N, C-alpha and C. Protein backbone atom coordinates (compact mmCIF):
# COMPACT_ATOMS: atom_id res chain seq x y z
N MET A 1 -48.53 -9.30 33.97
CA MET A 1 -47.19 -8.85 34.18
C MET A 1 -47.13 -7.38 33.81
N THR A 2 -46.47 -6.66 34.64
CA THR A 2 -46.36 -5.22 34.38
C THR A 2 -45.01 -4.93 33.76
N TYR A 3 -44.98 -3.91 32.96
CA TYR A 3 -43.73 -3.50 32.34
C TYR A 3 -43.43 -2.09 32.74
N PRO A 4 -42.31 -1.71 33.19
CA PRO A 4 -41.18 -2.53 33.62
C PRO A 4 -41.52 -3.26 34.90
N PRO A 5 -40.82 -4.40 35.11
CA PRO A 5 -41.12 -5.17 36.31
C PRO A 5 -40.72 -4.38 37.55
N PRO A 6 -41.37 -4.63 38.64
CA PRO A 6 -41.04 -3.90 39.86
C PRO A 6 -39.62 -4.21 40.30
N SER A 7 -38.92 -3.20 40.81
CA SER A 7 -37.53 -3.41 41.22
C SER A 7 -37.50 -3.91 42.65
N GLY A 8 -36.39 -4.52 42.98
CA GLY A 8 -36.21 -5.05 44.32
C GLY A 8 -36.46 -6.54 44.33
N GLY A 9 -36.25 -7.16 45.43
CA GLY A 9 -36.46 -8.60 45.55
C GLY A 9 -35.14 -9.34 45.41
N PRO A 10 -35.13 -10.63 45.77
CA PRO A 10 -33.88 -11.39 45.77
C PRO A 10 -33.40 -11.73 44.37
N ASN A 11 -34.26 -11.78 43.38
CA ASN A 11 -33.86 -12.19 42.03
C ASN A 11 -33.68 -11.01 41.09
N ASP A 12 -33.65 -9.82 41.60
CA ASP A 12 -33.53 -8.63 40.76
C ASP A 12 -32.07 -8.44 40.35
N PRO A 13 -31.74 -8.57 39.03
CA PRO A 13 -30.34 -8.39 38.61
C PRO A 13 -29.89 -6.94 38.67
N TRP A 14 -30.81 -6.00 38.72
CA TRP A 14 -30.45 -4.59 38.70
C TRP A 14 -30.40 -3.99 40.10
N ALA A 15 -30.62 -4.79 41.09
CA ALA A 15 -30.63 -4.28 42.44
C ALA A 15 -29.22 -3.88 42.86
N GLN A 16 -29.09 -2.80 43.59
CA GLN A 16 -27.79 -2.31 44.06
C GLN A 16 -27.32 -3.18 45.23
N PRO A 17 -26.00 -3.46 45.31
CA PRO A 17 -25.52 -4.25 46.45
C PRO A 17 -25.60 -3.44 47.73
N SER A 18 -25.81 -4.14 48.80
CA SER A 18 -25.99 -3.45 50.07
C SER A 18 -24.65 -3.08 50.70
N ALA A 19 -23.56 -3.80 50.37
CA ALA A 19 -22.25 -3.52 50.95
C ALA A 19 -21.35 -2.91 49.88
N PRO A 20 -20.44 -2.03 50.27
CA PRO A 20 -19.52 -1.46 49.27
C PRO A 20 -18.56 -2.55 48.78
N PRO A 21 -18.02 -2.38 47.59
CA PRO A 21 -17.11 -3.39 47.06
C PRO A 21 -15.84 -3.46 47.91
N ALA A 22 -15.21 -4.62 47.87
CA ALA A 22 -13.99 -4.83 48.67
C ALA A 22 -12.86 -3.98 48.11
N ASP A 23 -11.99 -3.49 49.01
CA ASP A 23 -10.84 -2.69 48.62
C ASP A 23 -9.75 -3.63 48.10
N PRO A 24 -9.29 -3.46 46.86
CA PRO A 24 -8.30 -4.39 46.31
C PRO A 24 -6.94 -4.27 46.97
N THR A 25 -6.69 -3.20 47.73
CA THR A 25 -5.39 -3.06 48.37
C THR A 25 -5.33 -3.77 49.71
N LEU A 26 -6.42 -4.33 50.14
CA LEU A 26 -6.45 -5.04 51.41
C LEU A 26 -6.34 -6.54 51.18
N ALA A 27 -5.65 -7.22 52.09
CA ALA A 27 -5.52 -8.67 51.99
C ALA A 27 -6.83 -9.32 52.43
N MET A 28 -6.85 -10.64 52.43
CA MET A 28 -8.07 -11.38 52.77
C MET A 28 -8.54 -11.08 54.19
N GLY A 29 -7.65 -10.88 55.11
CA GLY A 29 -8.03 -10.64 56.50
C GLY A 29 -8.38 -9.20 56.77
N GLY A 30 -8.36 -8.33 55.81
CA GLY A 30 -8.68 -6.93 56.02
C GLY A 30 -7.45 -6.09 56.35
N GLN A 31 -6.29 -6.73 56.43
CA GLN A 31 -5.06 -6.01 56.73
C GLN A 31 -4.47 -5.46 55.42
N PRO A 32 -3.80 -4.30 55.45
CA PRO A 32 -3.20 -3.79 54.21
C PRO A 32 -2.05 -4.69 53.74
N ILE A 33 -1.88 -4.75 52.45
CA ILE A 33 -0.82 -5.55 51.84
C ILE A 33 0.48 -4.79 52.04
N PRO A 34 1.52 -5.46 52.55
CA PRO A 34 2.79 -4.74 52.74
C PRO A 34 3.40 -4.37 51.39
N ALA A 35 4.08 -3.23 51.35
CA ALA A 35 4.70 -2.75 50.13
C ALA A 35 5.88 -3.64 49.76
N GLN A 36 6.12 -3.78 48.46
CA GLN A 36 7.24 -4.58 47.98
C GLN A 36 8.54 -3.85 48.28
N PRO A 37 9.60 -4.57 48.60
CA PRO A 37 10.87 -3.89 48.82
C PRO A 37 11.36 -3.27 47.52
N ALA A 38 11.89 -2.08 47.63
CA ALA A 38 12.33 -1.33 46.45
C ALA A 38 13.83 -1.51 46.26
N ASN A 39 14.24 -2.61 45.64
CA ASN A 39 15.65 -2.82 45.32
C ASN A 39 15.89 -2.28 43.91
N PRO A 40 16.83 -1.37 43.75
CA PRO A 40 17.08 -0.87 42.39
C PRO A 40 17.72 -1.96 41.55
N ASP A 41 17.43 -1.90 40.28
CA ASP A 41 17.97 -2.88 39.34
C ASP A 41 19.46 -2.59 39.12
N PRO A 42 20.36 -3.52 39.48
CA PRO A 42 21.79 -3.22 39.31
C PRO A 42 22.22 -3.20 37.85
N TYR A 43 21.38 -3.76 36.95
CA TYR A 43 21.74 -3.80 35.54
C TYR A 43 21.08 -2.70 34.73
N ALA A 44 20.32 -1.85 35.38
CA ALA A 44 19.67 -0.77 34.66
C ALA A 44 20.72 0.24 34.19
N PRO A 45 20.58 0.73 32.95
CA PRO A 45 21.57 1.71 32.48
C PRO A 45 21.44 3.02 33.23
N ALA A 46 22.52 3.75 33.27
CA ALA A 46 22.51 5.05 33.94
C ALA A 46 21.60 6.00 33.17
N ASP A 47 20.95 6.88 33.86
CA ASP A 47 20.03 7.82 33.24
C ASP A 47 20.82 8.88 32.48
N PRO A 48 20.79 8.86 31.14
CA PRO A 48 21.57 9.85 30.40
C PRO A 48 20.96 11.25 30.48
N TYR A 49 19.72 11.34 30.94
CA TYR A 49 19.06 12.63 31.00
C TYR A 49 19.08 13.22 32.42
N ALA A 50 19.84 12.59 33.31
CA ALA A 50 19.92 13.11 34.66
C ALA A 50 20.59 14.48 34.62
N VAL A 51 20.05 15.43 35.38
CA VAL A 51 20.56 16.79 35.35
C VAL A 51 21.08 17.17 36.73
N ALA A 52 21.89 18.17 36.75
CA ALA A 52 22.45 18.65 38.02
C ALA A 52 21.37 19.37 38.80
N LYS A 53 21.40 19.22 40.09
CA LYS A 53 20.43 19.89 40.96
C LYS A 53 20.82 21.36 41.09
N SER A 54 19.84 22.23 41.16
CA SER A 54 20.13 23.67 41.24
C SER A 54 20.69 24.06 42.60
N ASP A 55 20.50 23.19 43.64
CA ASP A 55 20.99 23.56 44.96
C ASP A 55 22.47 23.22 45.13
N GLN A 56 23.11 22.67 44.07
CA GLN A 56 24.52 22.34 44.18
C GLN A 56 25.40 23.52 43.78
N GLY A 57 24.85 24.62 43.45
CA GLY A 57 25.64 25.81 43.14
C GLY A 57 25.91 25.95 41.65
N PRO A 58 26.58 27.01 41.25
CA PRO A 58 26.84 27.26 39.84
C PRO A 58 27.85 26.29 39.24
N ALA A 59 28.64 25.62 40.06
CA ALA A 59 29.63 24.68 39.51
C ALA A 59 28.95 23.46 38.91
N ALA A 60 27.76 23.13 39.40
CA ALA A 60 27.05 21.95 38.87
C ALA A 60 26.44 22.25 37.52
N ASN A 61 26.20 23.49 37.17
CA ASN A 61 25.59 23.87 35.90
C ASN A 61 26.55 24.81 35.19
N PRO A 62 27.46 24.28 34.34
CA PRO A 62 28.49 25.12 33.76
C PRO A 62 27.97 26.13 32.73
N ASP A 63 26.82 25.89 32.12
CA ASP A 63 26.29 26.82 31.13
C ASP A 63 25.46 27.88 31.84
N PRO A 64 25.91 29.14 31.83
CA PRO A 64 25.16 30.16 32.58
C PRO A 64 23.82 30.50 31.93
N TYR A 65 23.65 30.17 30.64
CA TYR A 65 22.41 30.50 29.95
C TYR A 65 21.40 29.36 29.98
N ALA A 66 21.82 28.21 30.45
CA ALA A 66 20.91 27.07 30.51
C ALA A 66 19.95 27.26 31.67
N ALA A 67 18.71 26.86 31.46
CA ALA A 67 17.70 26.97 32.52
C ALA A 67 18.03 25.95 33.60
N PRO A 68 17.83 26.31 34.86
CA PRO A 68 18.12 25.35 35.92
C PRO A 68 17.19 24.14 35.82
N GLY A 69 17.74 22.96 36.05
CA GLY A 69 16.95 21.74 36.00
C GLY A 69 16.96 21.07 34.63
N TYR A 70 17.62 21.69 33.65
CA TYR A 70 17.68 21.12 32.31
C TYR A 70 19.13 20.84 31.96
N GLY A 71 19.37 19.77 31.22
CA GLY A 71 20.73 19.39 30.86
C GLY A 71 21.22 20.18 29.66
N GLN A 72 22.36 19.80 29.18
CA GLN A 72 22.95 20.45 28.02
C GLN A 72 22.11 20.12 26.79
N PRO A 73 22.10 21.01 25.78
CA PRO A 73 21.32 20.72 24.58
C PRO A 73 21.93 19.57 23.79
N GLY A 74 21.11 18.94 23.00
CA GLY A 74 21.57 17.82 22.19
C GLY A 74 21.20 16.50 22.81
N TYR A 75 21.56 15.45 22.15
CA TYR A 75 21.24 14.11 22.62
C TYR A 75 22.49 13.44 23.13
N PRO A 76 22.37 12.60 24.13
CA PRO A 76 23.55 11.87 24.60
C PRO A 76 23.92 10.78 23.60
N PRO A 77 25.17 10.37 23.60
CA PRO A 77 25.54 9.30 22.66
C PRO A 77 24.84 8.00 23.05
N GLY A 78 24.50 7.22 22.05
CA GLY A 78 23.84 5.95 22.30
C GLY A 78 24.80 4.94 22.87
N TYR A 79 24.30 3.97 23.54
CA TYR A 79 25.13 2.92 24.10
C TYR A 79 24.55 1.59 23.66
N PRO A 80 25.41 0.61 23.43
CA PRO A 80 24.91 -0.68 22.91
C PRO A 80 24.15 -1.44 23.99
N THR A 81 23.22 -2.24 23.53
CA THR A 81 22.45 -3.10 24.43
C THR A 81 22.74 -4.53 24.02
N PRO A 82 23.72 -5.19 24.63
CA PRO A 82 24.05 -6.54 24.22
C PRO A 82 22.92 -7.50 24.50
N GLY A 83 22.76 -8.45 23.61
CA GLY A 83 21.75 -9.46 23.81
C GLY A 83 20.44 -9.17 23.11
N TYR A 84 20.24 -7.96 22.64
CA TYR A 84 19.01 -7.61 21.96
C TYR A 84 19.31 -7.28 20.51
N PRO A 85 18.49 -7.77 19.58
CA PRO A 85 18.74 -7.46 18.18
C PRO A 85 18.44 -5.99 17.89
N GLY A 86 19.11 -5.45 16.91
CA GLY A 86 18.89 -4.06 16.53
C GLY A 86 17.61 -3.90 15.75
N TYR A 87 17.20 -2.67 15.64
CA TYR A 87 16.00 -2.38 14.87
C TYR A 87 16.36 -2.19 13.40
N GLY A 88 15.37 -2.21 12.54
CA GLY A 88 15.60 -1.96 11.12
C GLY A 88 15.31 -3.19 10.31
N TYR A 89 15.93 -3.25 9.17
CA TYR A 89 15.67 -4.33 8.23
C TYR A 89 16.66 -5.46 8.44
N ALA A 90 16.27 -6.61 7.98
CA ALA A 90 17.15 -7.77 8.05
C ALA A 90 18.28 -7.58 7.04
N PRO A 91 19.41 -8.21 7.24
CA PRO A 91 20.49 -8.07 6.26
C PRO A 91 20.06 -8.67 4.94
N PRO A 92 20.56 -8.13 3.84
CA PRO A 92 20.13 -8.64 2.54
C PRO A 92 20.53 -10.10 2.36
N GLN A 93 19.67 -10.81 1.67
CA GLN A 93 19.89 -12.23 1.46
C GLN A 93 20.87 -12.44 0.30
N LYS A 94 21.71 -13.45 0.39
CA LYS A 94 22.68 -13.74 -0.65
C LYS A 94 21.93 -14.28 -1.87
N THR A 95 22.24 -13.72 -3.03
CA THR A 95 21.59 -14.13 -4.27
C THR A 95 22.37 -15.26 -4.91
N ASN A 96 21.67 -16.25 -5.41
CA ASN A 96 22.28 -17.39 -6.06
C ASN A 96 22.97 -16.92 -7.34
N GLY A 97 24.25 -17.27 -7.49
CA GLY A 97 25.02 -16.85 -8.65
C GLY A 97 24.55 -17.49 -9.94
N MET A 98 24.06 -18.71 -9.84
CA MET A 98 23.60 -19.38 -11.05
C MET A 98 22.32 -18.74 -11.57
N ALA A 99 21.50 -18.19 -10.68
CA ALA A 99 20.29 -17.49 -11.12
C ALA A 99 20.66 -16.23 -11.90
N ILE A 100 21.69 -15.54 -11.43
CA ILE A 100 22.14 -14.34 -12.16
C ILE A 100 22.68 -14.73 -13.53
N ALA A 101 23.51 -15.77 -13.58
CA ALA A 101 24.07 -16.22 -14.85
C ALA A 101 22.97 -16.69 -15.80
N ALA A 102 21.97 -17.37 -15.28
CA ALA A 102 20.88 -17.86 -16.11
C ALA A 102 20.11 -16.71 -16.73
N LEU A 103 19.84 -15.68 -15.93
CA LEU A 103 19.11 -14.53 -16.47
C LEU A 103 19.94 -13.80 -17.52
N VAL A 104 21.22 -13.64 -17.27
CA VAL A 104 22.08 -12.96 -18.25
C VAL A 104 22.12 -13.75 -19.56
N LEU A 105 22.32 -15.05 -19.47
CA LEU A 105 22.37 -15.87 -20.68
C LEU A 105 21.04 -15.86 -21.43
N SER A 106 19.94 -15.87 -20.71
CA SER A 106 18.63 -15.83 -21.37
C SER A 106 18.43 -14.51 -22.10
N LEU A 107 18.85 -13.41 -21.47
CA LEU A 107 18.67 -12.11 -22.12
C LEU A 107 19.64 -11.89 -23.28
N VAL A 108 20.84 -12.45 -23.17
CA VAL A 108 21.78 -12.37 -24.29
C VAL A 108 21.25 -13.20 -25.46
N GLY A 109 20.41 -14.18 -25.16
CA GLY A 109 19.81 -15.00 -26.21
C GLY A 109 18.93 -14.20 -27.15
N ILE A 110 18.52 -12.99 -26.79
CA ILE A 110 17.76 -12.13 -27.70
C ILE A 110 18.60 -11.79 -28.91
N ALA A 111 19.89 -11.55 -28.70
CA ALA A 111 20.77 -11.18 -29.81
C ALA A 111 21.46 -12.39 -30.43
N SER A 112 21.83 -13.36 -29.61
CA SER A 112 22.64 -14.46 -30.15
C SER A 112 21.82 -15.69 -30.54
N CYS A 113 20.67 -15.86 -29.95
CA CYS A 113 19.78 -17.00 -30.21
C CYS A 113 20.38 -18.35 -29.81
N ILE A 114 21.59 -18.38 -29.31
CA ILE A 114 22.22 -19.64 -28.92
C ILE A 114 22.17 -19.81 -27.41
N THR A 115 22.31 -18.72 -26.67
CA THR A 115 22.43 -18.84 -25.21
C THR A 115 21.08 -18.92 -24.50
N ALA A 116 19.98 -18.71 -25.20
CA ALA A 116 18.66 -18.74 -24.55
C ALA A 116 18.34 -20.11 -23.95
N PRO A 117 18.52 -21.22 -24.67
CA PRO A 117 18.21 -22.51 -24.04
C PRO A 117 19.17 -22.83 -22.89
N ILE A 118 20.42 -22.38 -22.99
CA ILE A 118 21.37 -22.61 -21.90
C ILE A 118 20.90 -21.85 -20.65
N GLY A 119 20.45 -20.61 -20.85
CA GLY A 119 19.94 -19.82 -19.73
C GLY A 119 18.71 -20.45 -19.09
N ALA A 120 17.82 -21.02 -19.92
CA ALA A 120 16.62 -21.67 -19.39
C ALA A 120 16.99 -22.90 -18.55
N ILE A 121 17.94 -23.68 -19.03
CA ILE A 121 18.35 -24.88 -18.30
C ILE A 121 19.04 -24.48 -16.99
N LEU A 122 19.90 -23.48 -17.05
CA LEU A 122 20.55 -23.00 -15.83
C LEU A 122 19.53 -22.43 -14.85
N GLY A 123 18.45 -21.85 -15.36
CA GLY A 123 17.39 -21.34 -14.49
C GLY A 123 16.73 -22.46 -13.69
N HIS A 124 16.51 -23.60 -14.34
CA HIS A 124 15.94 -24.76 -13.63
C HIS A 124 16.89 -25.25 -12.55
N VAL A 125 18.18 -25.32 -12.87
CA VAL A 125 19.18 -25.77 -11.89
C VAL A 125 19.25 -24.78 -10.72
N ALA A 126 19.20 -23.49 -11.04
CA ALA A 126 19.27 -22.47 -10.00
C ALA A 126 18.07 -22.55 -9.07
N ARG A 127 16.87 -22.78 -9.59
CA ARG A 127 15.68 -22.90 -8.74
C ARG A 127 15.82 -24.08 -7.77
N LYS A 128 16.40 -25.18 -8.26
CA LYS A 128 16.59 -26.33 -7.38
C LYS A 128 17.59 -25.98 -6.27
N GLN A 129 18.67 -25.29 -6.62
CA GLN A 129 19.65 -24.89 -5.61
C GLN A 129 19.04 -23.93 -4.60
N ILE A 130 18.21 -23.02 -5.06
CA ILE A 130 17.58 -22.03 -4.17
C ILE A 130 16.63 -22.73 -3.19
N ARG A 131 15.87 -23.69 -3.67
CA ARG A 131 14.98 -24.43 -2.77
C ARG A 131 15.76 -25.18 -1.70
N GLU A 132 16.93 -25.71 -2.05
CA GLU A 132 17.71 -26.48 -1.09
C GLU A 132 18.47 -25.59 -0.11
N SER A 133 19.00 -24.46 -0.59
CA SER A 133 19.87 -23.64 0.26
C SER A 133 19.16 -22.46 0.89
N GLY A 134 18.02 -22.05 0.37
CA GLY A 134 17.30 -20.90 0.93
C GLY A 134 17.88 -19.56 0.50
N GLU A 135 18.70 -19.52 -0.53
CA GLU A 135 19.26 -18.26 -1.02
C GLU A 135 18.20 -17.45 -1.74
N GLY A 136 18.56 -16.22 -2.07
CA GLY A 136 17.68 -15.36 -2.85
C GLY A 136 17.90 -15.60 -4.33
N GLY A 137 17.05 -15.02 -5.16
CA GLY A 137 17.19 -15.13 -6.61
C GLY A 137 16.13 -15.98 -7.26
N GLU A 138 15.06 -16.29 -6.52
CA GLU A 138 13.99 -17.12 -7.08
C GLU A 138 13.35 -16.44 -8.29
N GLY A 139 13.14 -15.13 -8.18
CA GLY A 139 12.52 -14.39 -9.29
C GLY A 139 13.41 -14.33 -10.51
N MET A 140 14.71 -14.17 -10.30
CA MET A 140 15.63 -14.14 -11.44
C MET A 140 15.66 -15.49 -12.14
N ALA A 141 15.68 -16.56 -11.38
CA ALA A 141 15.70 -17.90 -11.99
C ALA A 141 14.42 -18.15 -12.77
N LYS A 142 13.30 -17.72 -12.21
CA LYS A 142 12.03 -17.92 -12.90
C LYS A 142 11.97 -17.09 -14.19
N ALA A 143 12.47 -15.85 -14.13
CA ALA A 143 12.50 -15.01 -15.33
C ALA A 143 13.42 -15.60 -16.38
N ALA A 144 14.56 -16.18 -15.96
CA ALA A 144 15.48 -16.81 -16.91
C ALA A 144 14.81 -17.99 -17.60
N ILE A 145 14.04 -18.76 -16.85
CA ILE A 145 13.35 -19.92 -17.45
C ILE A 145 12.33 -19.43 -18.48
N ILE A 146 11.53 -18.44 -18.10
CA ILE A 146 10.48 -17.96 -19.00
C ILE A 146 11.07 -17.35 -20.26
N VAL A 147 12.02 -16.43 -20.10
CA VAL A 147 12.61 -15.76 -21.26
C VAL A 147 13.38 -16.77 -22.11
N GLY A 148 14.13 -17.65 -21.46
CA GLY A 148 14.93 -18.63 -22.21
C GLY A 148 14.08 -19.55 -23.06
N TRP A 149 12.98 -20.07 -22.49
CA TRP A 149 12.16 -21.00 -23.29
C TRP A 149 11.34 -20.28 -24.35
N ILE A 150 10.92 -19.05 -24.08
CA ILE A 150 10.21 -18.29 -25.13
C ILE A 150 11.14 -18.01 -26.30
N LEU A 151 12.36 -17.55 -26.01
CA LEU A 151 13.30 -17.28 -27.10
C LEU A 151 13.71 -18.55 -27.82
N THR A 152 13.83 -19.65 -27.10
CA THR A 152 14.15 -20.93 -27.75
C THR A 152 13.02 -21.35 -28.68
N GLY A 153 11.78 -21.18 -28.23
CA GLY A 153 10.64 -21.51 -29.09
C GLY A 153 10.59 -20.63 -30.33
N LEU A 154 10.88 -19.34 -30.16
CA LEU A 154 10.90 -18.46 -31.33
C LEU A 154 12.04 -18.83 -32.28
N LEU A 155 13.19 -19.24 -31.73
CA LEU A 155 14.31 -19.67 -32.57
C LEU A 155 13.94 -20.92 -33.36
N VAL A 156 13.26 -21.86 -32.72
CA VAL A 156 12.84 -23.09 -33.41
C VAL A 156 11.85 -22.73 -34.53
N LEU A 157 10.90 -21.84 -34.24
CA LEU A 157 9.96 -21.43 -35.30
C LEU A 157 10.67 -20.72 -36.46
N LEU A 158 11.68 -19.92 -36.15
CA LEU A 158 12.44 -19.23 -37.20
C LEU A 158 13.20 -20.23 -38.06
N ILE A 159 13.79 -21.25 -37.43
CA ILE A 159 14.51 -22.27 -38.20
C ILE A 159 13.55 -23.06 -39.08
N ILE A 160 12.38 -23.41 -38.54
CA ILE A 160 11.37 -24.13 -39.35
C ILE A 160 10.93 -23.26 -40.52
N PHE A 161 10.74 -21.96 -40.31
CA PHE A 161 10.34 -21.06 -41.38
C PHE A 161 11.41 -21.02 -42.47
N TYR A 162 12.70 -20.91 -42.09
CA TYR A 162 13.77 -20.88 -43.09
C TYR A 162 13.84 -22.19 -43.86
N VAL A 163 13.66 -23.32 -43.19
CA VAL A 163 13.70 -24.61 -43.86
C VAL A 163 12.56 -24.71 -44.87
N VAL A 164 11.37 -24.26 -44.51
CA VAL A 164 10.22 -24.30 -45.42
C VAL A 164 10.48 -23.39 -46.62
N VAL A 165 11.02 -22.23 -46.41
CA VAL A 165 11.30 -21.30 -47.52
C VAL A 165 12.35 -21.90 -48.46
N ILE A 166 13.38 -22.52 -47.93
CA ILE A 166 14.41 -23.12 -48.77
C ILE A 166 13.85 -24.29 -49.56
N VAL A 167 13.03 -25.12 -48.92
CA VAL A 167 12.43 -26.26 -49.62
C VAL A 167 11.51 -25.77 -50.73
N LEU A 168 10.71 -24.76 -50.48
CA LEU A 168 9.85 -24.22 -51.53
C LEU A 168 10.65 -23.59 -52.65
N ALA A 169 11.75 -22.94 -52.32
CA ALA A 169 12.57 -22.33 -53.35
C ALA A 169 13.21 -23.39 -54.23
N ILE A 170 13.64 -24.50 -53.64
CA ILE A 170 14.23 -25.57 -54.43
C ILE A 170 13.17 -26.26 -55.27
N ALA A 171 11.96 -26.45 -54.73
CA ALA A 171 10.91 -27.16 -55.46
C ALA A 171 10.41 -26.34 -56.64
N THR A 172 10.40 -25.06 -56.54
CA THR A 172 9.88 -24.24 -57.63
C THR A 172 10.98 -23.71 -58.54
N ALA A 173 12.19 -24.13 -58.33
CA ALA A 173 13.30 -23.63 -59.15
C ALA A 173 13.20 -24.21 -60.56
N ASP A 174 13.65 -23.45 -61.52
CA ASP A 174 13.65 -23.91 -62.90
C ASP A 174 14.88 -24.78 -63.12
N THR A 175 14.66 -26.04 -63.39
CA THR A 175 15.77 -26.97 -63.59
C THR A 175 15.92 -27.32 -65.06
N GLY A 176 15.53 -26.46 -65.93
CA GLY A 176 15.59 -26.71 -67.38
C GLY A 176 17.00 -26.73 -67.92
N GLY A 177 17.94 -26.28 -67.26
CA GLY A 177 19.32 -26.33 -67.73
C GLY A 177 19.69 -25.19 -68.62
N SER A 178 18.79 -24.36 -69.06
CA SER A 178 19.14 -23.24 -69.92
C SER A 178 19.63 -22.08 -69.07
N THR A 179 20.53 -21.36 -69.65
CA THR A 179 21.05 -20.20 -68.96
C THR A 179 20.25 -19.00 -69.40
N PRO A 180 20.04 -18.11 -68.52
CA PRO A 180 19.27 -16.93 -68.90
C PRO A 180 20.04 -16.06 -69.87
N THR A 181 19.35 -15.45 -70.80
CA THR A 181 19.97 -14.55 -71.77
C THR A 181 19.71 -13.11 -71.38
N PHE A 182 20.72 -12.34 -71.59
CA PHE A 182 20.58 -10.93 -71.23
C PHE A 182 20.48 -10.10 -72.43
């Protein structure tokens, strides 16, 4: 076998075709395809950039300093397109009110130590409402749960610490009945 193989022959994939490729504008019978009728779209908006023709005289172009064939400077006013959504961002989602209240109560629990567990419980209720209704505020409810239970745990530890200190103070107190002398 020789390399490269000899060109030509019926099985040669690189052989050039003997006939030119078919013209895509011709139909199967070799006749040209008739042109499509040009019906203008009756619902197409008017061209806001259409300009006056220069052969219509100076009355068609009221600005004497404007170049012929160009319209007035500036942009034309926009017109609404009914049926199509506007561009931009989606409208903001409604936030669950209980999630806001839960976060506020959890954060107030830093100072009061009483509202933290209430905020945590309301956070759980708010998350359930958000899952059912699809409202916003999932992050606030989750933050209320975390902050509320952490502060509640710290409050419980503080109460246990005070109870232990009081019990130790009572156990080590002098109960001899004598009054101190000054």
